[in-house]
Amino acid sequence: MPAPPSSEFLFVTVGTTLAPFDRLIHASEDLLSLGMDIVVQRGPSRVSPQGVTVVDVLDYPSFLAHMRSAAVVVGHAGIGTTGLAVKYGRPLVVVPRLASEGEAVDDHQLHYSRVLAARGLGVAIEDMSKLADAVLTAKAPELHSRTRDYLATALRAAILEGTTRDLRHSRRLSSHPNRG
């Protein structure tokens, strides 16, 4: 599998769904105006945008390498793609698959993308003509810092929850009648 480019690049991914996401693949050509290399993981789509590096599928280690190295991740609003982008602190542009376009069975990605945007974890767009502007917005330092703040808060909450759960479990064990 190809290694990520050594220069600054955009990683456009459609996830692992069997349905093509041609609308996003077509729009990736518009990102060439930003002057960055572009890697498109197109999945089952047969669309071949010009001027970008196109791969059908990346194995998981290659996918992670691209995700970690990308200047911006542009992807569908799938939990795996968005979760990894947030986990690795990558600026994120979320383009939901839409039922009206035959890209999904319902509009769950539309709702999820709006939640991500409301929490400051990425930029959500529905209008493909706004894709390049969304990439520039996602790269802005203030959005990046909100993502880091959210992750720090989530990590503190997880640690606190884990500690509380461990303490409750420990107390149950120490008070168990067979301990002693």
Protein backbone atom coordinates (compact mmCIF):
# COMPACT_ATOMS: atom_id res chain seq x y z
CA MET A 1 0.00 0.00 0.00
CA PRO A 2 1.22 3.52 -0.70
CA ALA A 3 2.85 5.51 2.05
CA PRO A 4 1.45 8.96 2.81
CA PRO A 5 3.06 11.80 0.82
CA SER A 6 5.99 13.52 2.51
CA SER A 7 4.52 16.95 1.79
CA GLU A 8 1.42 18.52 3.33
CA PHE A 9 -1.61 16.65 2.00
CA LEU A 10 -5.35 16.25 2.29
CA PHE A 11 -6.74 12.81 2.96
CA VAL A 12 -10.20 12.25 1.47
CA THR A 13 -11.82 9.03 2.63
CA VAL A 14 -15.23 7.44 2.09
CA GLY A 15 -14.90 4.78 4.76
CA THR A 16 -15.66 1.10 4.23
CA THR A 17 -19.32 1.23 3.23
CA LEU A 18 -20.20 -0.72 0.11
CA ALA A 19 -22.16 2.20 -1.37
CA PRO A 20 -20.15 4.61 -3.55
CA PHE A 21 -19.82 8.22 -2.45
CA ASP A 22 -19.29 9.75 -5.90
CA ARG A 23 -20.38 13.23 -4.81
CA LEU A 24 -17.37 13.50 -2.48
CA ILE A 25 -14.96 11.88 -4.92
CA HIS A 26 -15.96 14.31 -7.70
CA ALA A 27 -15.59 17.27 -5.32
CA SER A 28 -12.04 16.26 -4.36
CA GLU A 29 -10.82 17.73 -7.67
CA ASP A 30 -11.99 21.15 -6.48
CA LEU A 31 -9.48 20.93 -3.63
CA LEU A 32 -6.55 21.14 -6.07
CA SER A 33 -6.98 24.92 -5.94
CA LEU A 34 -5.57 24.79 -2.39
CA GLY A 35 -2.15 23.76 -3.73
CA MET A 36 -1.78 20.64 -1.61
CA ASP A 37 -1.29 17.00 -2.52
CA ILE A 38 -4.52 15.02 -2.25
CA VAL A 39 -4.94 11.32 -1.51
CA VAL A 40 -8.42 9.95 -2.18
CA GLN A 41 -9.49 6.58 -0.78
CA ARG A 42 -12.54 6.07 -2.99
CA GLY A 43 -13.86 2.68 -1.91
CA PRO A 44 -16.31 1.13 -4.40
CA SER A 45 -16.65 4.29 -6.48
CA ARG A 46 -15.40 4.12 -10.07
CA VAL A 47 -14.96 7.90 -10.28
CA SER A 48 -11.32 8.80 -11.00
CA PRO A 49 -10.66 12.46 -10.25
CA GLN A 50 -7.74 14.00 -12.14
CA GLY A 51 -4.69 15.46 -10.42
CA VAL A 52 -5.06 13.49 -7.18
CA THR A 53 -3.68 10.18 -5.94
CA VAL A 54 -6.52 7.65 -5.98
CA VAL A 55 -6.56 4.34 -4.09
CA ASP A 56 -9.55 2.03 -3.85
CA VAL A 57 -8.84 0.73 -0.38
CA LEU A 58 -6.01 1.12 2.13
CA ASP A 59 -5.08 -1.65 4.53
CA TYR A 60 -5.56 -0.60 8.15
CA PRO A 61 -1.90 0.28 8.93
CA SER A 62 -1.74 2.42 5.75
CA PHE A 63 -5.09 4.03 6.56
CA LEU A 64 -3.83 4.95 10.02
CA ALA A 65 -0.57 6.33 8.58
CA HIS A 66 -2.54 8.56 6.21
CA MET A 67 -4.91 9.62 8.99
CA ARG A 68 -2.05 10.56 11.35
CA SER A 69 -0.10 12.46 8.68
CA ALA A 70 -2.83 14.39 6.87
CA ALA A 71 -2.98 18.16 7.18
CA VAL A 72 -6.78 17.78 7.00
CA VAL A 73 -9.03 14.73 6.85
CA VAL A 74 -12.07 15.07 4.60
CA GLY A 75 -14.51 12.23 5.04
CA HIS A 76 -18.00 10.93 5.37
CA ALA A 77 -19.65 11.19 8.77
CA GLY A 78 -18.88 7.63 9.80
CA ILE A 79 -17.95 6.90 13.39
CA GLY A 80 -14.66 5.21 12.45
CA THR A 81 -13.36 7.98 10.21
CA THR A 82 -14.46 10.82 12.48
CA GLY A 83 -13.36 9.05 15.65
CA LEU A 84 -9.85 8.42 14.34
CA ALA A 85 -9.49 11.98 13.05
CA VAL A 86 -10.46 13.33 16.46
CA LYS A 87 -8.29 10.76 18.26
CA TYR A 88 -5.23 11.82 16.24
CA GLY A 89 -6.07 15.51 16.51
CA ARG A 90 -6.45 15.94 12.75
CA PRO A 91 -8.46 18.86 11.42
CA LEU A 92 -11.67 17.37 10.07
CA VAL A 93 -14.17 18.21 7.36
CA VAL A 94 -17.26 16.04 7.54
CA VAL A 95 -19.43 15.48 4.47
CA PRO A 96 -22.43 13.34 5.40
CA ARG A 97 -23.75 10.69 3.06
CA LEU A 98 -27.35 11.61 2.23
CA ALA A 99 -30.33 9.34 1.76
CA SER A 100 -31.73 11.70 -0.90
CA GLU A 101 -28.58 11.06 -2.99
CA GLY A 102 -28.80 7.27 -2.53
CA GLU A 103 -25.59 7.30 -0.45
CA ALA A 104 -27.16 5.98 2.76
CA VAL A 105 -30.37 4.34 3.90
CA ASP A 106 -31.23 7.31 6.13
CA ASP A 107 -29.77 10.64 7.21
CA HIS A 108 -28.04 9.53 10.40
CA GLN A 109 -24.73 10.92 9.07
CA LEU A 110 -26.35 14.30 8.54
CA HIS A 111 -27.40 14.46 12.19
CA TYR A 112 -24.04 13.13 13.43
CA SER A 113 -22.08 15.65 11.33
CA ARG A 114 -24.09 18.50 12.85
CA VAL A 115 -23.32 17.25 16.37
CA LEU A 116 -19.59 17.07 15.58
CA ALA A 117 -19.65 20.62 14.21
CA ALA A 118 -21.66 21.93 17.18
CA ARG A 119 -19.04 20.51 19.54
CA GLY A 120 -16.23 22.12 17.57
CA LEU A 121 -14.71 18.81 16.48
CA GLY A 122 -14.82 19.55 12.78
CA VAL A 123 -16.45 21.47 9.99
CA ALA A 124 -19.61 19.92 8.53
CA ILE A 125 -20.82 20.76 5.04
CA GLU A 126 -23.71 19.55 2.94
CA ASP A 127 -23.06 21.77 -0.08
CA MET A 128 -20.04 20.47 -2.02
CA SER A 129 -19.32 23.93 -3.43
CA LYS A 130 -18.15 24.88 0.09
CA LEU A 131 -15.59 22.07 0.39
CA ALA A 132 -12.42 24.11 -0.22
CA ASP A 133 -13.54 26.83 2.22
CA ALA A 134 -14.35 24.15 4.80
CA VAL A 135 -10.82 22.74 4.49
CA LEU A 136 -9.33 26.19 5.12
CA THR A 137 -11.64 26.67 8.11
CA ALA A 138 -10.71 23.26 9.55
CA LYS A 139 -7.02 24.16 9.36
CA ALA A 140 -7.56 27.31 11.43
CA PRO A 141 -5.67 27.15 14.75
CA GLU A 142 -8.73 28.06 16.84
CA LEU A 143 -10.71 25.04 15.64
CA HIS A 144 -7.68 22.82 16.21
CA SER A 145 -7.37 24.10 19.76
CA ARG A 146 -11.08 23.42 20.47
CA THR A 147 -10.53 19.81 19.35
CA ARG A 148 -7.57 19.47 21.75
CA ASP A 149 -9.61 21.02 24.58
CA TYR A 150 -12.50 18.63 23.92
CA LEU A 151 -10.14 15.64 23.91
CA ALA A 152 -8.52 16.76 27.16
CA THR A 153 -11.94 17.12 28.79
CA ALA A 154 -13.08 13.73 27.47
CA LEU A 155 -9.87 12.10 28.70
CA ARG A 156 -10.27 13.63 32.17
CA ALA A 157 -13.88 12.40 32.28
CA ALA A 158 -12.84 8.89 31.18
CA ILE A 159 -10.09 8.76 33.80
CA LEU A 160 -12.47 9.98 36.49
CA GLU A 161 -15.14 7.47 35.42
CA GLY A 162 -12.59 4.66 35.33
CA THR A 163 -11.24 5.60 38.75
CA THR A 164 -14.74 5.83 40.20
CA ARG A 165 -15.70 2.48 38.66
CA ASP A 166 -12.49 0.88 40.00
CA LEU A 167 -13.17 2.27 43.48
CA ARG A 168 -16.75 0.98 43.47
CA HIS A 169 -15.53 -2.43 42.31
CA SER A 170 -12.79 -2.45 44.95
CA ARG A 171 -15.27 -1.58 47.71
CA ARG A 172 -17.63 -4.36 46.59
CA LEU A 173 -14.80 -6.87 46.66
CA SER A 174 -13.55 -5.79 50.08
CA SER A 175 -17.05 -5.99 51.57
CA HIS A 176 -17.84 -9.35 49.97
CA PRO A 177 -18.63 -12.00 52.66
CA ASN A 178 -16.18 -14.50 51.17
CA ARG A 179 -13.25 -12.06 51.47
CA GLY A 180 -11.49 -12.10 54.52
